[in-house]
Amino acid sequence: QYPLWLGKGGWLRVWELERQLTQAQGRND
């Protein structure tokens, strides 16, 4: 479970990248 939640490609990293993507798309718009 450790790599799934806290690893390089884990869920926490995915959620952070999705948040950054949403912000970047808003700025681009």
Full PDB file with SEQRES, HELIX, SHEET, SSBOND, CRYST1, ORIGX, SCALE, CONECT and MASTER records, all heavy atoms in Angstrom:
SEQRES   1 A   29  GLN TYR PRO LEU TRP LEU GLY LYS GLY GLY TRP LEU ARG          
SEQRES   2 A   29  VAL TRP GLU LEU GLU ARG GLN LEU THR GLN ALA GLN GLY          
SEQRES   3 A   29  ARG ASN ASP                                                  
HELIX    1 AA1 TYR A    2  LEU A    6  1                                   5    
HELIX    2 AA2 TRP A   11  ASN A   28  1                                  18    
CRYST1    1.000    1.000    1.000  90.00  90.00  90.00 P 1           1          
ORIGX1      1.000000  0.000000  0.000000        0.00000                         
ORIGX2      0.000000  1.000000  0.000000        0.00000                         
ORIGX3      0.000000  0.000000  1.000000        0.00000                         
SCALE1      1.000000  0.000000  0.000000        0.00000                         
SCALE2      0.000000  1.000000  0.000000        0.00000                         
SCALE3      0.000000  0.000000  1.000000        0.00000                         
ATOM      1  N   GLN A   1       0.805  -1.216   0.000  1.00  0.00           N  
ATOM      2  CA  GLN A   1       0.000   0.000   0.000  1.00  0.00           C  
ATOM      3  C   GLN A   1       0.839   1.267   0.000  1.00  0.00           C  
ATOM      4  O   GLN A   1       0.403   2.301  -0.484  1.00  0.00           O  
ATOM      5  CB  GLN A   1      -0.925   0.012   1.222  1.00  0.00           C  
ATOM      6  CG  GLN A   1      -2.043  -0.982   1.158  1.00  0.00           C  
ATOM      7  CD  GLN A   1      -3.046  -0.628   0.084  1.00  0.00           C  
ATOM      8  OE1 GLN A   1      -3.482   0.507  -0.003  1.00  0.00           O  
ATOM      9  NE2 GLN A   1      -3.402  -1.590  -0.737  1.00  0.00           N  
ATOM     10  N   TYR A   2       2.038   1.227   0.561  1.00  0.00           N  
ATOM     11  CA  TYR A   2       2.877   2.429   0.662  1.00  0.00           C  
ATOM     12  C   TYR A   2       3.105   3.082  -0.701  1.00  0.00           C  
ATOM     13  O   TYR A   2       2.857   4.276  -0.853  1.00  0.00           O  
ATOM     14  CB  TYR A   2       4.211   2.093   1.344  1.00  0.00           C  
ATOM     15  CG  TYR A   2       5.147   3.264   1.370  1.00  0.00           C  
ATOM     16  CD1 TYR A   2       4.979   4.280   2.295  1.00  0.00           C  
ATOM     17  CD2 TYR A   2       6.171   3.394   0.435  1.00  0.00           C  
ATOM     18  CE1 TYR A   2       5.814   5.378   2.319  1.00  0.00           C  
ATOM     19  CE2 TYR A   2       7.016   4.496   0.441  1.00  0.00           C  
ATOM     20  CZ  TYR A   2       6.831   5.484   1.382  1.00  0.00           C  
ATOM     21  OH  TYR A   2       7.657   6.564   1.392  1.00  0.00           O  
ATOM     22  N   PRO A   3       3.573   2.369  -1.732  1.00  0.00           N  
ATOM     23  CA  PRO A   3       3.780   3.046  -3.018  1.00  0.00           C  
ATOM     24  C   PRO A   3       2.475   3.547  -3.643  1.00  0.00           C  
ATOM     25  O   PRO A   3       2.462   4.552  -4.340  1.00  0.00           O  
ATOM     26  CB  PRO A   3       4.416   1.982  -3.916  1.00  0.00           C  
ATOM     27  CG  PRO A   3       4.752   0.833  -3.066  1.00  0.00           C  
ATOM     28  CD  PRO A   3       4.037   0.994  -1.764  1.00  0.00           C  
ATOM     29  N   LEU A   4       1.372   2.830  -3.356  1.00  0.00           N  
ATOM     30  CA  LEU A   4       0.093   3.249  -3.916  1.00  0.00           C  
ATOM     31  C   LEU A   4      -0.327   4.619  -3.383  1.00  0.00           C  
ATOM     32  O   LEU A   4      -0.812   5.458  -4.133  1.00  0.00           O  
ATOM     33  CB  LEU A   4      -0.989   2.215  -3.606  1.00  0.00           C  
ATOM     34  CG  LEU A   4      -2.400   2.559  -4.065  1.00  0.00           C  
ATOM     35  CD1 LEU A   4      -2.451   2.599  -5.587  1.00  0.00           C  
ATOM     36  CD2 LEU A   4      -3.396   1.567  -3.526  1.00  0.00           C  
ATOM     37  N   TRP A   5      -0.133   4.883  -2.122  1.00  0.00           N  
ATOM     38  CA  TRP A   5      -0.567   6.131  -1.521  1.00  0.00           C  
ATOM     39  C   TRP A   5       0.513   7.195  -1.461  1.00  0.00           C  
ATOM     40  O   TRP A   5       0.249   8.370  -1.680  1.00  0.00           O  
ATOM     41  CB  TRP A   5      -1.096   5.881  -0.106  1.00  0.00           C  
ATOM     42  CG  TRP A   5      -2.364   5.103  -0.130  1.00  0.00           C  
ATOM     43  CD1 TRP A   5      -2.500   3.773   0.061  1.00  0.00           C  
ATOM     44  CD2 TRP A   5      -3.660   5.618  -0.394  1.00  0.00           C  
ATOM     45  NE1 TRP A   5      -3.801   3.406  -0.054  1.00  0.00           N  
ATOM     46  CE2 TRP A   5      -4.553   4.524  -0.335  1.00  0.00           C  
ATOM     47  CE3 TRP A   5      -4.172   6.877  -0.669  1.00  0.00           C  
ATOM     48  CZ2 TRP A   5      -5.917   4.654  -0.533  1.00  0.00           C  
ATOM     49  CZ3 TRP A   5      -5.524   7.009  -0.866  1.00  0.00           C  
ATOM     50  CH2 TRP A   5      -6.388   5.905  -0.801  1.00  0.00           C  
ATOM     51  N   LEU A   6       1.745   6.803  -1.126  1.00  0.00           N  
ATOM     52  CA  LEU A   6       2.779   7.783  -0.862  1.00  0.00           C  
ATOM     53  C   LEU A   6       3.948   7.729  -1.843  1.00  0.00           C  
ATOM     54  O   LEU A   6       4.848   8.559  -1.760  1.00  0.00           O  
ATOM     55  CB  LEU A   6       3.315   7.604   0.575  1.00  0.00           C  
ATOM     56  CG  LEU A   6       2.255   7.672   1.670  1.00  0.00           C  
ATOM     57  CD1 LEU A   6       2.856   7.284   3.006  1.00  0.00           C  
ATOM     58  CD2 LEU A   6       1.636   9.041   1.743  1.00  0.00           C  
ATOM     59  N   GLY A   7       3.969   6.807  -2.758  1.00  0.00           N  
ATOM     60  CA  GLY A   7       5.091   6.648  -3.677  1.00  0.00           C  
ATOM     61  C   GLY A   7       5.106   7.701  -4.768  1.00  0.00           C  
ATOM     62  O   GLY A   7       4.291   8.635  -4.809  1.00  0.00           O  
ATOM     63  N   LYS A   8       6.046   7.553  -5.703  1.00  0.00           N  
ATOM     64  CA  LYS A   8       6.250   8.530  -6.770  1.00  0.00           C  
ATOM     65  C   LYS A   8       5.005   8.700  -7.645  1.00  0.00           C  
ATOM     66  O   LYS A   8       4.660   9.799  -8.046  1.00  0.00           O  
ATOM     67  CB  LYS A   8       7.448   8.096  -7.615  1.00  0.00           C  
ATOM     68  CG  LYS A   8       7.848   9.104  -8.646  1.00  0.00           C  
ATOM     69  CD  LYS A   8       9.121   8.699  -9.365  1.00  0.00           C  
ATOM     70  CE  LYS A   8       9.532   9.769 -10.347  1.00  0.00           C  
ATOM     71  NZ  LYS A   8      10.762   9.418 -11.040  1.00  0.00           N  
ATOM     72  N   GLY A   9       4.333   7.631  -7.954  1.00  0.00           N  
ATOM     73  CA  GLY A   9       3.120   7.708  -8.781  1.00  0.00           C  
ATOM     74  C   GLY A   9       1.878   7.427  -7.975  1.00  0.00           C  
ATOM     75  O   GLY A   9       0.865   6.994  -8.518  1.00  0.00           O  
ATOM     76  N   GLY A  10       1.902   7.706  -6.678  1.00  0.00           N  
ATOM     77  CA  GLY A  10       0.784   7.393  -5.803  1.00  0.00           C  
ATOM     78  C   GLY A  10      -0.375   8.369  -5.947  1.00  0.00           C  
ATOM     79  O   GLY A  10      -0.314   9.384  -6.656  1.00  0.00           O  
ATOM     80  N   TRP A  11      -1.443   8.038  -5.213  1.00  0.00           N  
ATOM     81  CA  TRP A  11      -2.662   8.826  -5.302  1.00  0.00           C  
ATOM     82  C   TRP A  11      -2.468  10.259  -4.823  1.00  0.00           C  
ATOM     83  O   TRP A  11      -3.042  11.190  -5.392  1.00  0.00           O  
ATOM     84  CB  TRP A  11      -3.783   8.159  -4.490  1.00  0.00           C  
ATOM     85  CG  TRP A  11      -4.370   6.980  -5.196  1.00  0.00           C  
ATOM     86  CD1 TRP A  11      -4.198   5.672  -4.870  1.00  0.00           C  
ATOM     87  CD2 TRP A  11      -5.195   7.006  -6.356  1.00  0.00           C  
ATOM     88  NE1 TRP A  11      -4.861   4.878  -5.759  1.00  0.00           N  
ATOM     89  CE2 TRP A  11      -5.496   5.673  -6.688  1.00  0.00           C  
ATOM     90  CE3 TRP A  11      -5.708   8.008  -7.150  1.00  0.00           C  
ATOM     91  CZ2 TRP A  11      -6.274   5.331  -7.768  1.00  0.00           C  
ATOM     92  CZ3 TRP A  11      -6.491   7.674  -8.227  1.00  0.00           C  
ATOM     93  CH2 TRP A  11      -6.768   6.345  -8.528  1.00  0.00           C  
ATOM     94  N   LEU A  12      -1.685  10.451  -3.797  1.00  0.00           N  
ATOM     95  CA  LEU A  12      -1.470  11.816  -3.308  1.00  0.00           C  
ATOM     96  C   LEU A  12      -0.799  12.677  -4.376  1.00  0.00           C  
ATOM     97  O   LEU A  12      -1.161  13.841  -4.570  1.00  0.00           O  
ATOM     98  CB  LEU A  12      -0.635  11.795  -2.024  1.00  0.00           C  
ATOM     99  CG  LEU A  12      -1.290  11.134  -0.815  1.00  0.00           C  
ATOM    100  CD1 LEU A  12      -0.319  11.103   0.365  1.00  0.00           C  
ATOM    101  CD2 LEU A  12      -2.566  11.861  -0.430  1.00  0.00           C  
ATOM    102  N   ARG A  13       0.165  12.114  -5.064  1.00  0.00           N  
ATOM    103  CA  ARG A  13       0.849  12.837  -6.144  1.00  0.00           C  
ATOM    104  C   ARG A  13      -0.110  13.105  -7.300  1.00  0.00           C  
ATOM    105  O   ARG A  13      -0.107  14.193  -7.886  1.00  0.00           O  
ATOM    106  CB  ARG A  13       2.061  12.021  -6.610  1.00  0.00           C  
ATOM    107  CG  ARG A  13       2.815  12.629  -7.738  1.00  0.00           C  
ATOM    108  CD  ARG A  13       3.685  13.765  -7.256  1.00  0.00           C  
ATOM    109  NE  ARG A  13       4.534  14.197  -8.369  1.00  0.00           N  
ATOM    110  CZ  ARG A  13       4.793  15.454  -8.625  1.00  0.00           C  
ATOM    111  NH1 ARG A  13       4.350  16.392  -7.831  1.00  0.00           N  
ATOM    112  NH2 ARG A  13       5.537  15.781  -9.647  1.00  0.00           N  
ATOM    113  N   VAL A  14      -0.943  12.148  -7.617  1.00  0.00           N  
ATOM    114  CA  VAL A  14      -1.927  12.318  -8.692  1.00  0.00           C  
ATOM    115  C   VAL A  14      -2.903  13.436  -8.351  1.00  0.00           C  
ATOM    116  O   VAL A  14      -3.221  14.282  -9.195  1.00  0.00           O  
ATOM    117  CB  VAL A  14      -2.674  10.992  -8.963  1.00  0.00           C  
ATOM    118  CG1 VAL A  14      -3.868  11.202  -9.885  1.00  0.00           C  
ATOM    119  CG2 VAL A  14      -1.729   9.961  -9.551  1.00  0.00           C  
ATOM    120  N   TRP A  15      -3.382  13.472  -7.114  1.00  0.00           N  
ATOM    121  CA  TRP A  15      -4.317  14.526  -6.715  1.00  0.00           C  
ATOM    122  C   TRP A  15      -3.650  15.906  -6.795  1.00  0.00           C  
ATOM    123  O   TRP A  15      -4.263  16.869  -7.225  1.00  0.00           O  
ATOM    124  CB  TRP A  15      -4.820  14.280  -5.304  1.00  0.00           C  
ATOM    125  CG  TRP A  15      -5.789  13.133  -5.196  1.00  0.00           C  
ATOM    126  CD1 TRP A  15      -6.601  12.658  -6.172  1.00  0.00           C  
ATOM    127  CD2 TRP A  15      -6.028  12.337  -4.044  1.00  0.00           C  
ATOM    128  NE1 TRP A  15      -7.336  11.597  -5.715  1.00  0.00           N  
ATOM    129  CE2 TRP A  15      -7.009  11.380  -4.393  1.00  0.00           C  
ATOM    130  CE3 TRP A  15      -5.521  12.322  -2.754  1.00  0.00           C  
ATOM    131  CZ2 TRP A  15      -7.488  10.438  -3.507  1.00  0.00           C  
ATOM    132  CZ3 TRP A  15      -6.010  11.383  -1.864  1.00  0.00           C  
ATOM    133  CH2 TRP A  15      -6.973  10.451  -2.240  1.00  0.00           C  
ATOM    134  N   GLU A  16      -2.395  15.989  -6.371  1.00  0.00           N  
ATOM    135  CA  GLU A  16      -1.673  17.263  -6.435  1.00  0.00           C  
ATOM    136  C   GLU A  16      -1.486  17.700  -7.895  1.00  0.00           C  
ATOM    137  O   GLU A  16      -1.670  18.872  -8.230  1.00  0.00           O  
ATOM    138  CB  GLU A  16      -0.309  17.131  -5.744  1.00  0.00           C  
ATOM    139  CG  GLU A  16       0.559  18.355  -5.845  1.00  0.00           C  
ATOM    140  CD  GLU A  16      -0.011  19.589  -5.168  1.00  0.00           C  
ATOM    141  OE1 GLU A  16      -0.854  19.457  -4.255  1.00  0.00           O  
ATOM    142  OE2 GLU A  16       0.381  20.700  -5.561  1.00  0.00           O  
ATOM    143  N   LEU A  17      -1.135  16.781  -8.760  1.00  0.00           N  
ATOM    144  CA  LEU A  17      -0.956  17.119 -10.178  1.00  0.00           C  
ATOM    145  C   LEU A  17      -2.276  17.532 -10.828  1.00  0.00           C  
ATOM    146  O   LEU A  17      -2.297  18.441 -11.669  1.00  0.00           O  
ATOM    147  CB  LEU A  17      -0.323  15.950 -10.926  1.00  0.00           C  
ATOM    148  CG  LEU A  17       1.140  15.664 -10.591  1.00  0.00           C  
ATOM    149  CD1 LEU A  17       1.610  14.401 -11.292  1.00  0.00           C  
ATOM    150  CD2 LEU A  17       2.022  16.836 -10.956  1.00  0.00           C  
ATOM    151  N   GLU A  18      -3.376  16.890 -10.449  1.00  0.00           N  
ATOM    152  CA  GLU A  18      -4.683  17.280 -10.984  1.00  0.00           C  
ATOM    153  C   GLU A  18      -5.057  18.698 -10.538  1.00  0.00           C  
ATOM    154  O   GLU A  18      -5.600  19.481 -11.319  1.00  0.00           O  
ATOM    155  CB  GLU A  18      -5.759  16.288 -10.546  1.00  0.00           C  
ATOM    156  CG  GLU A  18      -5.707  14.970 -11.292  1.00  0.00           C  
ATOM    157  CD  GLU A  18      -6.751  13.978 -10.811  1.00  0.00           C  
ATOM    158  OE1 GLU A  18      -7.401  14.224  -9.764  1.00  0.00           O  
ATOM    159  OE2 GLU A  18      -6.913  12.947 -11.472  1.00  0.00           O  
ATOM    160  N   ARG A  19      -4.743  19.045  -9.287  1.00  0.00           N  
ATOM    161  CA  ARG A  19      -5.009  20.394  -8.788  1.00  0.00           C  
ATOM    162  C   ARG A  19      -4.175  21.422  -9.562  1.00  0.00           C  
ATOM    163  O   ARG A  19      -4.684  22.460  -9.979  1.00  0.00           O  
ATOM    164  CB  ARG A  19      -4.690  20.470  -7.295  1.00  0.00           C  
ATOM    165  CG  ARG A  19      -5.057  21.797  -6.654  1.00  0.00           C  
ATOM    166  CD  ARG A  19      -4.595  21.883  -5.209  1.00  0.00           C  
ATOM    167  NE  ARG A  19      -3.145  21.839  -5.085  1.00  0.00           N  
ATOM    168  CZ  ARG A  19      -2.324  22.875  -5.283  1.00  0.00           C  
ATOM    169  NH1 ARG A  19      -2.827  24.031  -5.633  1.00  0.00           N  
ATOM    170  NH2 ARG A  19      -1.027  22.739  -5.137  1.00  0.00           N  
ATOM    171  N   GLN A  20      -2.895  21.109  -9.792  1.00  0.00           N  
ATOM    172  CA  GLN A  20      -2.032  22.012 -10.551  1.00  0.00           C  
ATOM    173  C   GLN A  20      -2.523  22.149 -11.991  1.00  0.00           C  
ATOM    174  O   GLN A  20      -2.479  23.248 -12.564  1.00  0.00           O  
ATOM    175  CB  GLN A  20      -0.590  21.515 -10.528  1.00  0.00           C  
ATOM    176  CG  GLN A  20       0.079  21.647  -9.191  1.00  0.00           C  
ATOM    177  CD  GLN A  20       1.485  21.057  -9.199  1.00  0.00           C  
ATOM    178  OE1 GLN A  20       1.969  20.563 -10.216  1.00  0.00           O  
ATOM    179  NE2 GLN A  20       2.142  21.100  -8.045  1.00  0.00           N  
ATOM    180  N   LEU A  21      -2.992  21.043 -12.570  1.00  0.00           N  
ATOM    181  CA  LEU A  21      -3.514  21.079 -13.936  1.00  0.00           C  
ATOM    182  C   LEU A  21      -4.749  21.962 -14.029  1.00  0.00           C  
ATOM    183  O   LEU A  21      -4.884  22.767 -14.959  1.00  0.00           O  
ATOM    184  CB  LEU A  21      -3.843  19.657 -14.404  1.00  0.00           C  
ATOM    185  CG  LEU A  21      -4.448  19.527 -15.789  1.00  0.00           C  
ATOM    186  CD1 LEU A  21      -3.457  19.971 -16.857  1.00  0.00           C  
ATOM    187  CD2 LEU A  21      -4.898  18.107 -16.036  1.00  0.00           C  
ATOM    188  N   THR A  22      -5.634  21.873 -13.064  1.00  0.00           N  
ATOM    189  CA  THR A  22      -6.843  22.697 -13.056  1.00  0.00           C  
ATOM    190  C   THR A  22      -6.484  24.180 -12.951  1.00  0.00           C  
ATOM    191  O   THR A  22      -7.057  25.015 -13.660  1.00  0.00           O  
ATOM    192  CB  THR A  22      -7.754  22.292 -11.880  1.00  0.00           C  
ATOM    193  OG1 THR A  22      -8.061  20.902 -11.997  1.00  0.00           O  
ATOM    194  CG2 THR A  22      -9.034  23.094 -11.875  1.00  0.00           C  
ATOM    195  N   GLN A  23      -5.525  24.508 -12.091  1.00  0.00           N  
ATOM    196  CA  GLN A  23      -5.093  25.897 -11.967  1.00  0.00           C  
ATOM    197  C   GLN A  23      -4.469  26.395 -13.268  1.00  0.00           C  
ATOM    198  O   GLN A  23      -4.739  27.518 -13.710  1.00  0.00           O  
ATOM    199  CB  GLN A  23      -4.087  26.044 -10.825  1.00  0.00           C  
ATOM    200  CG  GLN A  23      -4.690  25.936  -9.453  1.00  0.00           C  
ATOM    201  CD  GLN A  23      -3.635  26.036  -8.359  1.00  0.00           C  
ATOM    202  OE1 GLN A  23      -2.444  25.916  -8.607  1.00  0.00           O  
ATOM    203  NE2 GLN A  23      -4.093  26.243  -7.137  1.00  0.00           N  
ATOM    204  N   ALA A  24      -3.634  25.582 -13.896  1.00  0.00           N  
ATOM    205  CA  ALA A  24      -2.987  25.986 -15.148  1.00  0.00           C  
ATOM    206  C   ALA A  24      -4.021  26.189 -16.253  1.00  0.00           C  
ATOM    207  O   ALA A  24      -3.915  27.128 -17.048  1.00  0.00           O  
ATOM    208  CB  ALA A  24      -1.947  24.954 -15.559  1.00  0.00           C  
ATOM    209  N   GLN A  25      -5.026  25.323 -16.305  1.00  0.00           N  
ATOM    210  CA  GLN A  25      -6.071  25.480 -17.318  1.00  0.00           C  
ATOM    211  C   GLN A  25      -6.867  26.752 -17.087  1.00  0.00           C  
ATOM    212  O   GLN A  25      -7.236  27.441 -18.046  1.00  0.00           O  
ATOM    213  CB  GLN A  25      -6.996  24.262 -17.316  1.00  0.00           C  
ATOM    214  CG  GLN A  25      -6.363  23.031 -17.917  1.00  0.00           C  
ATOM    215  CD  GLN A  25      -7.234  21.791 -17.778  1.00  0.00           C  
ATOM    216  OE1 GLN A  25      -8.117  21.727 -16.924  1.00  0.00           O  
ATOM    217  NE2 GLN A  25      -6.968  20.794 -18.605  1.00  0.00           N  
ATOM    218  N   GLY A  26      -7.135  27.099 -15.840  1.00  0.00           N  
ATOM    219  CA  GLY A  26      -7.836  28.350 -15.533  1.00  0.00           C  
ATOM    220  C   GLY A  26      -7.033  29.558 -15.970  1.00  0.00           C  
ATOM    221  O   GLY A  26      -7.574  30.500 -16.562  1.00  0.00           O  
ATOM    222  N   ARG A  27      -5.723  29.554 -15.689  1.00  0.00           N  
ATOM    223  CA  ARG A  27      -4.861  30.655 -16.129  1.00  0.00           C  
ATOM    224  C   ARG A  27      -4.819  30.728 -17.650  1.00  0.00           C  
ATOM    225  O   ARG A  27      -4.862  31.826 -18.231  1.00  0.00           O  
ATOM    226  CB  ARG A  27      -3.444  30.482 -15.575  1.00  0.00           C  
ATOM    227  CG  ARG A  27      -3.307  30.832 -14.116  1.00  0.00           C  
ATOM    228  CD  ARG A  27      -1.849  30.917 -13.678  1.00  0.00           C  
ATOM    229  NE  ARG A  27      -1.075  29.730 -14.006  1.00  0.00           N  
ATOM    230  CZ  ARG A  27      -0.833  28.707 -13.189  1.00  0.00           C  
ATOM    231  NH1 ARG A  27      -1.311  28.729 -11.969  1.00  0.00           N  
ATOM    232  NH2 ARG A  27      -0.113  27.674 -13.593  1.00  0.00           N  
ATOM    233  N   ASN A  28      -4.730  29.575 -18.304  1.00  0.00           N  
ATOM    234  CA  ASN A  28      -4.703  29.562 -19.766  1.00  0.00           C  
ATOM    235  C   ASN A  28      -5.990  30.122 -20.360  1.00  0.00           C  
ATOM    236  O   ASN A  28      -5.952  30.851 -21.358  1.00  0.00           O  
ATOM    237  CB  ASN A  28      -4.457  28.148 -20.284  1.00  0.00           C  
ATOM    238  CG  ASN A  28      -3.022  27.710 -20.113  1.00  0.00           C  
ATOM    239  OD1 ASN A  28      -2.140  28.514 -19.851  1.00  0.00           O  
ATOM    240  ND2 ASN A  28      -2.789  26.417 -20.250  1.00  0.00           N  
ATOM    241  N   ASP A  29      -7.128  29.786 -19.769  1.00  0.00           N  
ATOM    242  CA  ASP A  29      -8.404  30.310 -20.265  1.00  0.00           C  
ATOM    243  C   ASP A  29      -8.457  31.832 -20.153  1.00  0.00           C  
ATOM    244  O   ASP A  29      -8.897  32.522 -21.073  1.00  0.00           O  
ATOM    245  CB  ASP A  29      -9.575  29.690 -19.504  1.00  0.00           C  
ATOM    246  CG  ASP A  29      -9.764  28.207 -19.825  1.00  0.00           C  
ATOM    247  OD1 ASP A  29      -9.244  27.753 -20.872  1.00  0.00           O  
ATOM    248  OD2 ASP A  29     -10.414  27.512 -19.020  1.00  0.00           O  
TER     249      ASP A  29                                                      
MASTER        0    0    0    2    0    0    0    6  248    1    0    3          
END                                                                             
